[in-house]
């Protein structure tokens, strides 16, 4: 049987994801499992225009496609049981894998992991926030810098069985002001690889063509101009930037 039309076929709700801050549902379109976030279920925010989070999620997917790294699962806008919203293909994480973790400070692996910060847990024990040192996660960190992701929590990184890492929950992206908050600070100051620089160039060039035309229906002109400026700044410095500004460099909660 051919796959159902993901835009027009009936979207049935099968459950609610109660850990999300905005209304988020599990659903199906035929045999295809999806996540559905209706615009009507978005909570107002002081720093992002109301009713724009679904559009930002789709914009993040479009930028991910131009990068060519498959960071964001397929995401699109369509009508649903609670009105228009963002729909994304469900990705099944591997429970045996974790790309980000909290470990005792004296148990941080010597290789293969990056230490981000240290602190005390609820029992007063010293713990470290760590993430894996992998090309897939580095690509996600570059993607986050470009889209100005204000909410890269550990649980927004899905480790799947083949070693790939998907990023989800991109509603808080593309703000015109610096908003980068992420748990992926382990490469701070490192030089960008040739592959990473090429990816940024593809996005920068795409803003003058199809990508720019598609984003124009999802983001403001100021937000697109800020996106172009971030690409140019990253190519000029050629390195993973340090946190800046007075806001926290990591989201809360971390997971």
Foldseek 3Di string as FASTA:
>chain_A
DDADDPAPAAWAFDAWDVVDPWTKTWTDRVPFIKIWGALVRDDDDPQDDRSQLQLQQQLLVLLVVLLVLQQAADKDWHAHPVGIGIMGGDDDFDPVDFQKDKAQPVPDDPPQKFWQDWDADPVRGIITIMGGDDPQVVLVLLSCLLFLAQAAARVQWGQHDVRHIYGDRRSRTLRLDRRAAHSPCRFAFPFADPSSLVSLVSSLVCCVDDSVVVCVVRDPPSSSVSSNVSSVVCNVVRGHHDDDDDDHNHDPPRD
